Amino acid sequence: MKSKTTTGSLFRLGAVFLLLILGPTCAHADFTTRADVSAFIEEISTRNGMDAAPIYVALSRAQHIPRVIDLIKPPAKRGIRSWQRYRGQFLSHTHIAGGLDTWAQYENELRRAEKQYGVPPEIILGILGVETIYGRNMGNFETLSALATLAFDYPPRAELFRSELESLFLLARDQGRDPASYSGSYAGAIGWPQFLPSSIRRYAVDFDGNGKIDFDSNAVDAIGSIANYLREHGWVAGAPVAVRVRLTPGADPTPLIEAGIEPSLNQAQLLEVGVRPLSNSLPAAGEATLVDLETPGETTEYWLGYRNFYVITRYNRSSFYAMAVFQLADTLRAGHDDSIDITTWKASATKPSKSAKPAAARKPSSGGKAGKKLRPSHKAKK
């Protein structure tokens, strides 16, 4: 019986032979000459019962993309947080008009998703709008090369991206596709809903029933998959998402904010510290988290985020993100119910504005408290 080293060497020789046949188009490749890459290939092929030779060939064609590293690195100097600036990127004419048009086009599918998973149409559309402007901007990085670059050349998050690279090969096997045929964000998120490969395998559904899951051009599969993802992470049908509150003079919200993004504060605790409703009373919706939305030069907004708010942060672990989804969803619901005039929105929605950056064009979030950016759970892009 051949040793692992001998077997690995034979696979590498086979891959080199294929490269010679394929010619100069693969001359840029260097991933498979590295010991760490070879070890990765042999590990995942053994673990998953996969032939290692095609993985060698695929990674030999993958390119190191310096731009991916530049985009994912935290900024050298942290910028000033501004909720109003962030909000303005997603509560734009383009996002609102596009959301209402998408709702009209997929009304039946959105209703079916709500019935099956308990997630209302506006929340699904809020995520699709923030992520990719309803499929208009899904990213144009080759997923294989982006994930390989991050898996092997970005040590701070190598473990996450090696796992996603493995999931990409498994996804390609599941779907009968070339691993290099996927494209998306610079951190490996794919298609309309911007799922990472592991989340596609775990949460994606064939919602149109055509026998395959297509995130490249199929909004219906994206609608069902987002709803399934949220339900699997604890979405409660009919429960509130968030409500705006005020603080009594002299109240110190710091301990509540530092309690974290997961709801853990009951009404008695909130009232004792000085949290008050803007309306007559707080919803009887169980525990909440206190979210601070800061804007330089303006009064900080305070909101209570309930379980469903927390579930949205499982999609992207940022309270700014979750609130943008919620407020876009709320606006879309109002427009759909004809309680706002949408003529102005549609008149200016011919193309995204410069400030209307979809999630696929923005950085992934990276660790922190409620109101701060935290690492996304099912995707690492933005």
Protein backbone atom coordinates (compact mmCIF):
# COMPACT_ATOMS: atom_id res chain seq x y z
CA MET A 1 0.00 0.00 0.00
CA LYS A 2 1.34 3.43 -0.92
CA SER A 3 2.15 5.88 1.84
CA LYS A 4 0.32 9.19 2.07
CA THR A 5 3.47 10.95 0.93
CA THR A 6 3.83 8.71 -2.13
CA THR A 7 0.15 9.08 -2.98
CA GLY A 8 0.34 12.84 -2.61
CA SER A 9 3.44 12.95 -4.79
CA LEU A 10 1.68 10.96 -7.50
CA PHE A 11 -1.28 13.34 -7.41
CA ARG A 12 1.06 16.31 -7.67
CA LEU A 13 2.91 14.75 -10.59
CA GLY A 14 -0.40 14.10 -12.29
CA ALA A 15 -1.46 17.68 -11.75
CA VAL A 16 1.84 18.97 -13.16
CA PHE A 17 1.37 16.70 -16.19
CA LEU A 18 -2.08 18.13 -16.76
CA LEU A 19 -0.68 21.65 -16.47
CA LEU A 20 1.87 20.87 -19.19
CA ILE A 21 -0.96 19.67 -21.42
CA LEU A 22 -3.14 22.68 -20.64
CA GLY A 23 -0.34 25.03 -21.57
CA PRO A 24 0.49 28.66 -20.83
CA THR A 25 -2.97 29.64 -19.64
CA CYS A 26 -2.07 28.06 -16.29
CA ALA A 27 1.44 29.49 -16.07
CA HIS A 28 0.37 31.90 -13.35
CA ALA A 29 -0.61 29.07 -10.99
CA ASP A 30 1.50 28.55 -7.89
CA PHE A 31 -0.87 27.35 -5.13
CA THR A 32 -0.21 23.65 -5.77
CA THR A 33 3.56 24.04 -5.41
CA ARG A 34 3.09 24.84 -1.72
CA ALA A 35 3.24 22.25 1.03
CA ASP A 36 0.34 23.77 2.97
CA VAL A 37 -1.89 23.63 -0.09
CA SER A 38 -0.93 20.03 -0.82
CA ALA A 39 -1.66 19.10 2.79
CA PHE A 40 -5.04 20.82 2.55
CA ILE A 41 -5.93 18.96 -0.65
CA GLU A 42 -4.98 15.59 0.74
CA GLU A 43 -6.86 16.26 3.97
CA ILE A 44 -10.14 17.30 2.37
CA SER A 45 -10.00 14.59 -0.28
CA THR A 46 -9.53 11.91 2.40
CA ARG A 47 -12.19 13.37 4.68
CA ASN A 48 -14.80 13.64 1.94
CA GLY A 49 -13.96 10.65 -0.25
CA MET A 50 -12.97 12.91 -3.14
CA ASP A 51 -10.41 12.34 -5.87
CA ALA A 52 -7.51 14.66 -5.09
CA ALA A 53 -6.28 15.08 -8.67
CA PRO A 54 -9.14 17.36 -9.84
CA ILE A 55 -8.68 19.50 -6.72
CA TYR A 56 -5.00 19.91 -7.57
CA VAL A 57 -5.94 20.91 -11.10
CA ALA A 58 -8.59 23.39 -9.93
CA LEU A 59 -6.25 25.06 -7.44
CA SER A 60 -3.43 25.11 -9.99
CA ARG A 61 -5.67 27.35 -12.09
CA ALA A 62 -6.69 29.57 -9.19
CA GLN A 63 -5.03 32.95 -9.00
CA HIS A 64 -3.74 34.86 -6.03
CA ILE A 65 -5.77 38.10 -6.00
CA PRO A 66 -3.98 40.86 -4.04
CA ARG A 67 -7.10 43.03 -4.22
CA VAL A 68 -8.98 40.49 -2.09
CA ILE A 69 -6.42 40.89 0.70
CA ASP A 70 -6.61 44.67 0.45
CA LEU A 71 -10.39 44.64 0.71
CA ILE A 72 -10.66 42.32 3.66
CA LYS A 73 -7.98 43.88 5.84
CA PRO A 74 -9.33 46.12 8.61
CA PRO A 75 -8.65 49.78 7.85
CA ALA A 76 -5.40 51.11 9.26
CA LYS A 77 -7.35 53.95 10.82
CA ARG A 78 -10.82 53.24 12.11
CA GLY A 79 -13.42 55.60 10.73
CA ILE A 80 -16.07 57.39 12.72
CA ARG A 81 -19.30 55.41 12.95
CA SER A 82 -22.29 57.18 11.45
CA TRP A 83 -25.68 55.51 11.43
CA GLN A 84 -27.22 58.14 9.17
CA ARG A 85 -24.45 57.75 6.60
CA TYR A 86 -24.75 53.96 6.73
CA ARG A 87 -28.56 54.09 6.58
CA GLY A 88 -28.43 56.38 3.55
CA GLN A 89 -26.68 53.69 1.52
CA PHE A 90 -29.69 51.39 1.75
CA LEU A 91 -32.75 53.58 2.23
CA SER A 92 -32.18 55.00 -1.24
CA HIS A 93 -34.57 55.56 -4.12
CA THR A 94 -32.95 52.63 -5.91
CA HIS A 95 -33.40 50.22 -3.02
CA ILE A 96 -37.01 51.21 -2.35
CA ALA A 97 -38.22 51.29 -5.94
CA GLY A 98 -36.32 48.11 -6.73
CA GLY A 99 -37.80 46.40 -3.69
CA LEU A 100 -41.34 47.35 -4.61
CA ASP A 101 -40.85 46.17 -8.18
CA THR A 102 -39.34 42.89 -6.96
CA TRP A 103 -42.25 42.43 -4.58
CA ALA A 104 -44.73 42.92 -7.40
CA GLN A 105 -42.84 40.46 -9.62
CA TYR A 106 -42.52 37.73 -6.99
CA GLU A 107 -45.64 38.33 -4.92
CA ASN A 108 -46.76 34.69 -5.02
CA GLU A 109 -43.34 33.29 -4.14
CA LEU A 110 -42.93 35.73 -1.25
CA ARG A 111 -46.35 34.78 0.13
CA ARG A 112 -45.47 31.11 -0.17
CA ALA A 113 -42.19 31.68 1.67
CA GLU A 114 -44.04 33.47 4.47
CA LYS A 115 -46.55 30.65 4.76
CA GLN A 116 -43.86 27.97 4.79
CA TYR A 117 -41.18 29.65 6.92
CA GLY A 118 -43.00 32.42 8.79
CA VAL A 119 -40.77 35.21 7.46
CA PRO A 120 -42.65 38.19 5.98
CA PRO A 121 -41.93 39.34 2.42
CA GLU A 122 -40.52 42.71 3.44
CA ILE A 123 -37.78 41.13 5.57
CA ILE A 124 -36.72 38.83 2.72
CA LEU A 125 -36.68 41.81 0.37
CA GLY A 126 -34.85 43.95 2.92
CA ILE A 127 -32.01 41.43 2.95
CA LEU A 128 -31.98 41.07 -0.84
CA GLY A 129 -31.92 44.86 -1.19
CA VAL A 130 -29.08 45.42 1.24
CA GLU A 131 -27.08 42.46 -0.06
CA THR A 132 -27.20 42.84 -3.84
CA ILE A 133 -29.86 45.43 -4.76
CA TYR A 134 -32.15 42.53 -5.77
CA GLY A 135 -29.52 40.72 -7.83
CA ARG A 136 -28.17 43.79 -9.60
CA ASN A 137 -24.73 43.62 -8.00
CA MET A 138 -23.61 40.18 -6.85
CA GLY A 139 -19.84 40.74 -7.08
CA ASN A 140 -17.52 39.67 -9.88
CA PHE A 141 -14.66 37.90 -8.11
CA GLU A 142 -14.05 34.28 -9.07
CA THR A 143 -15.02 32.49 -5.87
CA LEU A 144 -12.36 29.78 -6.12
CA SER A 145 -9.51 32.27 -6.48
CA ALA A 146 -10.88 34.60 -3.82
CA LEU A 147 -11.27 31.82 -1.26
CA ALA A 148 -7.88 30.29 -2.11
CA THR A 149 -6.23 33.67 -1.65
CA LEU A 150 -7.84 34.14 1.76
CA ALA A 151 -7.39 30.51 2.82
CA PHE A 152 -3.66 30.42 2.17
CA ASP A 153 -2.47 34.02 2.15
CA TYR A 154 -4.51 35.72 4.88
CA PRO A 155 -3.50 34.12 8.21
CA PRO A 156 -5.89 36.09 10.48
CA ARG A 157 -8.91 34.26 9.04
CA ALA A 158 -7.32 31.32 7.28
CA GLU A 159 -9.27 28.72 9.25
CA LEU A 160 -12.64 30.18 8.23
CA PHE A 161 -11.72 30.48 4.57
CA ARG A 162 -10.11 27.06 4.34
CA SER A 163 -13.38 25.66 5.62
CA GLU A 164 -15.29 27.64 3.00
CA LEU A 165 -12.89 26.53 0.28
CA GLU A 166 -13.54 22.93 1.26
CA SER A 167 -17.27 23.66 1.17
CA LEU A 168 -16.87 25.14 -2.32
CA PHE A 169 -15.40 21.89 -3.61
CA LEU A 170 -18.19 19.94 -1.95
CA LEU A 171 -20.80 22.32 -3.38
CA ALA A 172 -19.33 21.92 -6.86
CA ARG A 173 -19.50 18.14 -6.41
CA ASP A 174 -23.12 18.39 -5.19
CA GLN A 175 -24.15 20.54 -8.14
CA GLY A 176 -21.99 18.93 -10.83
CA ARG A 177 -20.22 22.21 -11.55
CA ASP A 178 -16.66 23.31 -12.12
CA PRO A 179 -15.40 24.88 -8.85
CA ALA A 180 -14.13 27.80 -10.92
CA SER A 181 -17.59 28.53 -12.33
CA TYR A 182 -18.81 30.41 -9.24
CA SER A 183 -18.42 34.15 -8.78
CA GLY A 184 -19.42 36.65 -6.13
CA SER A 185 -17.99 38.90 -3.46
CA TYR A 186 -14.30 39.20 -2.66
CA ALA A 187 -14.80 37.03 0.43
CA GLY A 188 -16.59 34.17 -1.26
CA ALA A 189 -20.30 35.00 -0.91
CA ILE A 190 -22.35 33.89 -3.89
CA GLY A 191 -25.37 35.03 -5.84
CA TRP A 192 -28.57 36.91 -5.07
CA PRO A 193 -28.57 36.21 -1.32
CA GLN A 194 -24.76 36.24 -0.88
CA PHE A 195 -24.45 32.90 0.88
CA LEU A 196 -21.04 31.42 1.55
CA PRO A 197 -20.60 27.89 0.14
CA SER A 198 -21.17 26.24 3.54
CA SER A 199 -24.49 28.06 3.93
CA ILE A 200 -25.61 27.12 0.45
CA ARG A 201 -25.04 23.48 1.35
CA ARG A 202 -26.78 23.84 4.71
CA TYR A 203 -29.64 26.29 4.16
CA ALA A 204 -30.33 26.76 0.44
CA VAL A 205 -33.57 25.32 -0.93
CA ASP A 206 -34.86 24.54 -4.40
CA PHE A 207 -37.84 26.82 -3.92
CA ASP A 208 -39.06 26.73 -7.51
CA GLY A 209 -38.90 22.93 -7.60
CA ASN A 210 -36.90 22.65 -10.82
CA GLY A 211 -34.44 20.16 -9.35
CA LYS A 212 -31.52 22.51 -8.77
CA ILE A 213 -30.51 25.47 -6.62
CA ASP A 214 -29.53 28.49 -8.68
CA PHE A 215 -28.39 31.68 -6.99
CA ASP A 216 -26.86 33.15 -10.13
CA SER A 217 -30.09 34.04 -11.90
CA ASN A 218 -32.97 32.65 -9.85
CA ALA A 219 -34.62 35.02 -7.39
CA VAL A 220 -37.12 32.35 -6.35
CA ASP A 221 -34.47 30.06 -4.88
CA ALA A 222 -32.95 33.08 -3.11
CA ILE A 223 -36.33 34.03 -1.60
CA GLY A 224 -36.94 30.56 -0.20
CA SER A 225 -33.36 30.16 1.00
CA ILE A 226 -33.28 33.44 2.90
CA ALA A 227 -36.56 32.55 4.60
CA ASN A 228 -35.25 29.09 5.48
CA TYR A 229 -32.01 30.55 6.83
CA LEU A 230 -33.83 32.96 9.11
CA ARG A 231 -36.24 30.30 10.36
CA GLU A 232 -33.38 27.92 11.08
CA HIS A 233 -31.73 30.65 13.15
CA GLY A 234 -34.81 31.19 15.27
CA TRP A 235 -37.16 33.58 13.48
CA VAL A 236 -40.44 33.88 15.36
CA ALA A 237 -43.42 34.45 13.06
CA GLY A 238 -45.47 37.48 14.00
CA ALA A 239 -43.05 38.68 16.70
CA PRO A 240 -41.61 42.22 16.69
CA VAL A 241 -38.15 43.03 15.35
CA ALA A 242 -37.26 46.34 16.98
CA VAL A 243 -38.82 49.43 18.56
CA ARG A 244 -37.34 52.84 19.10
CA VAL A 245 -37.00 54.02 22.71
CA ARG A 246 -35.74 57.04 24.64
CA LEU A 247 -33.62 57.41 27.76
CA THR A 248 -34.60 59.41 30.79
CA PRO A 249 -32.27 62.37 31.59
CA GLY A 250 -29.10 61.18 33.27
CA ALA A 251 -29.60 57.51 32.35
CA ASP A 252 -26.39 55.60 31.55
CA PRO A 253 -27.01 53.06 28.75
CA THR A 254 -23.44 51.72 28.76
CA PRO A 255 -24.07 48.58 30.88
CA LEU A 256 -27.06 47.64 28.74
CA ILE A 257 -25.19 48.13 25.49
CA GLU A 258 -22.25 46.13 26.79
CA ALA A 259 -24.61 43.24 27.57
CA GLY A 260 -24.19 42.31 23.90
CA ILE A 261 -26.22 41.80 20.78
CA GLU A 262 -28.14 38.73 21.95
CA PRO A 263 -31.36 39.67 23.75
CA SER A 264 -30.92 39.23 27.51
CA LEU A 265 -32.62 42.26 29.13
CA ASN A 266 -36.13 42.07 30.52
CA GLN A 267 -38.54 44.97 30.83
CA ALA A 268 -37.85 45.48 34.52
CA GLN A 269 -34.12 45.89 33.87
CA LEU A 270 -34.74 48.28 31.01
CA LEU A 271 -37.18 50.44 32.93
CA GLU A 272 -34.96 50.50 36.01
CA VAL A 273 -32.02 51.92 34.05
CA GLY A 274 -34.18 54.57 32.40
CA VAL A 275 -35.28 53.09 29.06
CA ARG A 276 -38.71 54.39 28.14
CA PRO A 277 -40.99 53.72 25.17
CA LEU A 278 -41.78 56.45 22.68
CA SER A 279 -45.35 55.17 22.72
CA ASN A 280 -47.42 54.16 25.72
CA SER A 281 -45.65 50.91 26.61
CA LEU A 282 -42.97 48.48 25.54
CA PRO A 283 -44.06 45.42 23.56
CA ALA A 284 -44.64 42.31 25.63
CA ALA A 285 -42.11 40.48 23.49
CA GLY A 286 -39.68 38.94 25.92
CA GLU A 287 -36.05 39.88 26.33
CA ALA A 288 -34.34 42.54 24.26
CA THR A 289 -30.98 44.11 23.54
CA LEU A 290 -30.35 47.86 23.65
CA VAL A 291 -28.94 49.11 20.37
CA ASP A 292 -27.18 52.46 20.04
CA LEU A 293 -27.13 54.06 16.60
CA GLU A 294 -24.58 56.84 16.70
CA THR A 295 -24.20 59.69 14.22
CA PRO A 296 -21.55 62.37 14.77
CA GLY A 297 -23.12 65.72 15.64
CA GLU A 298 -26.57 64.23 16.19
CA THR A 299 -28.43 62.68 19.10
CA THR A 300 -27.84 58.95 19.35
CA GLU A 301 -30.85 56.81 18.48
CA TYR A 302 -31.70 54.00 20.89
CA TRP A 303 -33.68 50.95 19.89
CA LEU A 304 -34.69 47.71 21.52
CA GLY A 305 -33.85 44.73 19.35
CA TYR A 306 -35.88 41.58 20.02
CA ARG A 307 -35.23 37.97 19.06
CA ASN A 308 -36.02 38.56 15.38
CA PHE A 309 -33.57 41.47 15.29
CA TYR A 310 -30.91 39.14 16.65
CA VAL A 311 -31.80 36.57 13.97
CA ILE A 312 -31.11 39.17 11.26
CA THR A 313 -27.67 39.71 12.80
CA ARG A 314 -26.98 36.02 12.19
CA TYR A 315 -27.01 36.93 8.51
CA ASN A 316 -24.46 39.67 9.12
CA ARG A 317 -23.36 40.31 12.68
CA SER A 318 -23.75 44.06 12.75
CA SER A 319 -26.58 45.96 14.41
CA PHE A 320 -26.21 48.68 11.75
CA TYR A 321 -26.82 45.99 9.12
CA ALA A 322 -29.82 44.53 10.92
CA MET A 323 -31.37 47.95 11.43
CA ALA A 324 -30.85 48.88 7.78
CA VAL A 325 -32.60 45.65 6.75
CA PHE A 326 -35.42 46.33 9.20
CA GLN A 327 -35.97 49.95 8.15
CA LEU A 328 -35.78 49.13 4.44
CA ALA A 329 -38.28 46.32 5.06
CA ASP A 330 -40.56 48.66 7.00
CA THR A 331 -40.48 51.18 4.16
CA LEU A 332 -41.20 48.50 1.57
CA ARG A 333 -44.16 47.26 3.60
CA ALA A 334 -45.54 50.79 3.77
CA GLY A 335 -45.06 51.25 0.03
CA HIS A 336 -46.63 47.91 -0.79
CA ASP A 337 -49.63 48.76 1.37
CA ASP A 338 -49.94 52.13 -0.42
CA SER A 339 -49.33 54.14 2.71
CA ILE A 340 -46.51 56.10 1.07
CA ASP A 341 -46.29 57.74 -2.32
CA ILE A 342 -43.80 55.71 -4.37
CA THR A 343 -43.83 57.87 -7.52
CA THR A 344 -40.74 59.79 -6.46
CA TRP A 345 -38.86 56.63 -5.62
CA LYS A 346 -39.50 55.04 -9.00
CA ALA A 347 -38.70 58.20 -10.94
CA SER A 348 -35.11 58.20 -9.68
CA ALA A 349 -34.42 54.48 -9.67
CA THR A 350 -32.82 54.03 -13.07
CA LYS A 351 -29.46 53.08 -11.58
CA PRO A 352 -27.84 52.77 -8.17
CA SER A 353 -26.45 55.99 -6.76
CA LYS A 354 -22.78 56.19 -5.83
CA SER A 355 -23.71 55.87 -2.18
CA ALA A 356 -25.95 52.84 -2.76
CA LYS A 357 -23.33 50.16 -2.26
CA PRO A 358 -24.68 46.63 -2.05
CA ALA A 359 -23.27 44.30 0.55
CA ALA A 360 -21.22 42.53 -2.11
CA ALA A 361 -19.22 45.73 -2.52
CA ARG A 362 -18.55 46.31 1.17
CA LYS A 363 -16.31 44.87 3.84
CA PRO A 364 -17.23 41.92 6.00
CA SER A 365 -17.82 42.77 9.60
CA SER A 366 -15.34 41.74 12.25
CA GLY A 367 -16.05 41.37 15.94
CA GLY A 368 -17.58 43.67 18.54
CA LYS A 369 -20.61 44.53 20.65
CA ALA A 370 -24.16 45.46 19.85
CA GLY A 371 -23.98 48.36 17.46
CA LYS A 372 -20.45 47.43 16.45
CA LYS A 373 -19.42 45.25 13.54
CA LEU A 374 -19.20 41.54 14.21
CA ARG A 375 -18.05 38.64 12.05
CA PRO A 376 -20.82 37.31 9.84
CA SER A 377 -21.93 33.76 10.47
CA HIS A 378 -22.84 32.46 7.02
CA LYS A 379 -20.86 34.77 4.81
CA ALA A 380 -17.69 36.77 5.13
CA LYS A 381 -18.17 39.50 2.65
CA LYS A 382 -19.11 42.98 2.38
